Amino acid sequence: MSAQERQASNMNWRFQEGADGAQISDEVAAILDAINAALTPIIGQRGVAAIYTRSLHLAVSSLPWLKTGQEGIQTVMDLTALKSVLAQQSRADAAVGGKAVLQTFFDILVGLIGPSLTEQLLRPAWEKHLSEPTA
């Protein structure tokens, strides 16, 4: 794995200091909405929804409480269920769950189009939510 790929896979998602589960769920949804806006013109709503659905599925494998009840093929990225699940969690759990979904989405996209293009496309979506990458 190249240094750039390691850096891309080690993104450190952070949330507003003192935020509760509901605020974190809103922030995660805002980031995903921004990602959706950035990617939809390129891969379409179904493409973004497919990556989101896969991200959620993979995150649920390590965090079963993230299961939202959405089954089957999604044609749009519906964040209502994810927001509801995250909002019911403690701050720590909501942060872990939100980070898991975001990181998994990012990792899938990196696997599809590479770290450089992923960073270029998504930089506006995460700029204010992303701390400095680890060395």
Protein backbone atom coordinates (compact mmCIF):
# COMPACT_ATOMS: atom_id res chain seq x y z
CA MET A 1 0.00 0.00 0.00
CA SER A 2 1.41 3.39 -0.99
CA ALA A 3 1.83 6.26 1.46
CA GLN A 4 -1.03 8.07 -0.24
CA GLU A 5 -3.32 5.04 0.13
CA ARG A 6 -2.35 4.66 3.80
CA GLN A 7 -3.06 8.34 4.35
CA ALA A 8 -6.45 8.04 2.62
CA SER A 9 -7.40 5.01 4.69
CA ASN A 10 -6.42 6.72 7.95
CA MET A 11 -8.75 9.70 7.70
CA ASN A 12 -9.62 10.90 11.16
CA TRP A 13 -13.26 11.96 11.18
CA ARG A 14 -14.07 14.33 14.03
CA PHE A 15 -17.30 15.79 15.31
CA GLN A 16 -18.20 18.98 17.11
CA GLU A 17 -16.91 19.07 20.69
CA GLY A 18 -19.66 18.23 23.17
CA ALA A 19 -22.12 17.09 20.51
CA ASP A 20 -24.70 14.50 21.54
CA GLY A 21 -25.92 11.57 19.47
CA ALA A 22 -28.58 13.66 17.70
CA GLN A 23 -26.10 16.39 16.77
CA ILE A 24 -23.61 13.81 15.52
CA SER A 25 -26.33 12.16 13.44
CA ASP A 26 -27.10 15.55 11.87
CA GLU A 27 -23.42 16.13 11.15
CA VAL A 28 -22.95 12.68 9.60
CA ALA A 29 -26.03 13.27 7.43
CA ALA A 30 -24.69 16.68 6.38
CA ILE A 31 -21.36 15.15 5.34
CA LEU A 32 -23.13 12.37 3.42
CA ASP A 33 -25.43 14.92 1.76
CA ALA A 34 -22.36 16.89 0.64
CA ILE A 35 -20.74 13.69 -0.64
CA ASN A 36 -23.96 12.86 -2.47
CA ALA A 37 -23.99 16.30 -4.09
CA ALA A 38 -20.36 15.94 -5.18
CA LEU A 39 -20.69 12.43 -6.61
CA THR A 40 -24.20 12.36 -8.12
CA PRO A 41 -23.22 14.30 -11.27
CA ILE A 42 -20.41 11.79 -11.86
CA ILE A 43 -21.83 8.38 -10.88
CA GLY A 44 -25.53 9.14 -10.54
CA GLN A 45 -27.94 8.76 -7.62
CA ARG A 46 -27.98 4.99 -7.92
CA GLY A 47 -24.18 4.81 -7.87
CA VAL A 48 -23.96 6.93 -4.73
CA ALA A 49 -26.79 4.95 -3.14
CA ALA A 50 -25.01 1.68 -3.95
CA ILE A 51 -21.78 2.83 -2.28
CA TYR A 52 -23.73 4.12 0.73
CA THR A 53 -25.69 0.87 1.05
CA ARG A 54 -22.49 -1.17 0.84
CA SER A 55 -20.80 1.10 3.40
CA LEU A 56 -23.67 0.68 5.81
CA HIS A 57 -23.71 -3.09 5.27
CA LEU A 58 -19.97 -3.36 6.00
CA ALA A 59 -20.18 -1.07 9.04
CA VAL A 60 -23.04 -3.17 10.46
CA SER A 61 -20.78 -6.24 10.40
CA SER A 62 -18.66 -4.68 13.16
CA LEU A 63 -21.37 -2.50 14.75
CA PRO A 64 -24.63 -4.50 14.59
CA TRP A 65 -26.63 -1.72 16.28
CA LEU A 66 -26.16 0.35 13.09
CA LYS A 67 -28.64 -1.87 11.25
CA THR A 68 -31.26 0.49 9.86
CA GLY A 69 -33.77 -1.99 8.47
CA GLN A 70 -33.21 -0.81 4.89
CA GLU A 71 -33.09 -3.88 2.72
CA GLY A 72 -32.70 -4.43 -1.00
CA ILE A 73 -31.42 -2.13 -3.70
CA GLN A 74 -31.71 1.57 -2.93
CA THR A 75 -32.03 4.05 -5.80
CA VAL A 76 -31.29 7.11 -3.66
CA MET A 77 -29.28 7.62 -0.50
CA ASP A 78 -31.92 7.77 2.24
CA LEU A 79 -30.33 8.99 5.45
CA THR A 80 -33.47 9.07 7.61
CA ALA A 81 -32.95 5.63 9.14
CA LEU A 82 -29.23 6.18 9.78
CA LYS A 83 -29.92 9.52 11.46
CA SER A 84 -32.53 7.87 13.67
CA VAL A 85 -30.20 5.04 14.71
CA LEU A 86 -27.30 7.40 15.44
CA ALA A 87 -29.47 9.90 17.32
CA GLN A 88 -30.51 7.18 19.80
CA GLN A 89 -26.89 6.46 20.75
CA SER A 90 -24.57 8.02 23.28
CA ARG A 91 -22.11 10.58 21.99
CA ALA A 92 -19.31 8.02 21.89
CA ASP A 93 -21.33 5.35 20.11
CA ALA A 94 -22.82 7.80 17.62
CA ALA A 95 -19.31 9.07 16.81
CA VAL A 96 -17.99 5.53 16.35
CA GLY A 97 -20.93 4.56 14.14
CA GLY A 98 -20.81 7.74 12.07
CA LYS A 99 -17.06 7.42 11.59
CA ALA A 100 -17.46 3.77 10.56
CA VAL A 101 -19.99 4.58 7.84
CA LEU A 102 -18.02 7.59 6.55
CA GLN A 103 -14.68 5.80 6.59
CA THR A 104 -16.12 2.74 4.87
CA PHE A 105 -17.73 4.92 2.19
CA PHE A 106 -14.40 6.67 1.66
CA ASP A 107 -12.48 3.37 1.52
CA ILE A 108 -14.87 1.89 -1.05
CA LEU A 109 -14.56 4.98 -3.22
CA VAL A 110 -10.76 4.90 -2.94
CA GLY A 111 -10.86 1.27 -4.05
CA LEU A 112 -12.94 2.20 -7.08
CA ILE A 113 -11.30 5.40 -8.30
CA GLY A 114 -8.10 5.78 -6.29
CA PRO A 115 -7.10 8.04 -3.42
CA SER A 116 -6.12 11.09 -5.46
CA LEU A 117 -9.39 11.40 -7.37
CA THR A 118 -11.42 10.54 -4.26
CA GLU A 119 -9.71 13.30 -2.31
CA GLN A 120 -10.20 15.76 -5.16
CA LEU A 121 -13.91 14.98 -5.52
CA LEU A 122 -14.74 14.86 -1.83
CA ARG A 123 -12.52 17.59 -0.38
CA PRO A 124 -15.35 20.18 -0.28
CA ALA A 125 -17.61 17.66 1.46
CA TRP A 126 -15.29 16.91 4.34
CA GLU A 127 -12.95 19.91 4.56
CA LYS A 128 -14.41 21.28 7.79
CA HIS A 129 -15.01 17.83 9.31
CA LEU A 130 -11.62 16.26 8.74
CA SER A 131 -8.61 16.69 10.99
CA GLU A 132 -5.09 16.43 9.70
CA PRO A 133 -4.22 12.93 8.46
CA THR A 134 -1.85 10.92 10.58
CA ALA A 135 1.75 10.63 9.35
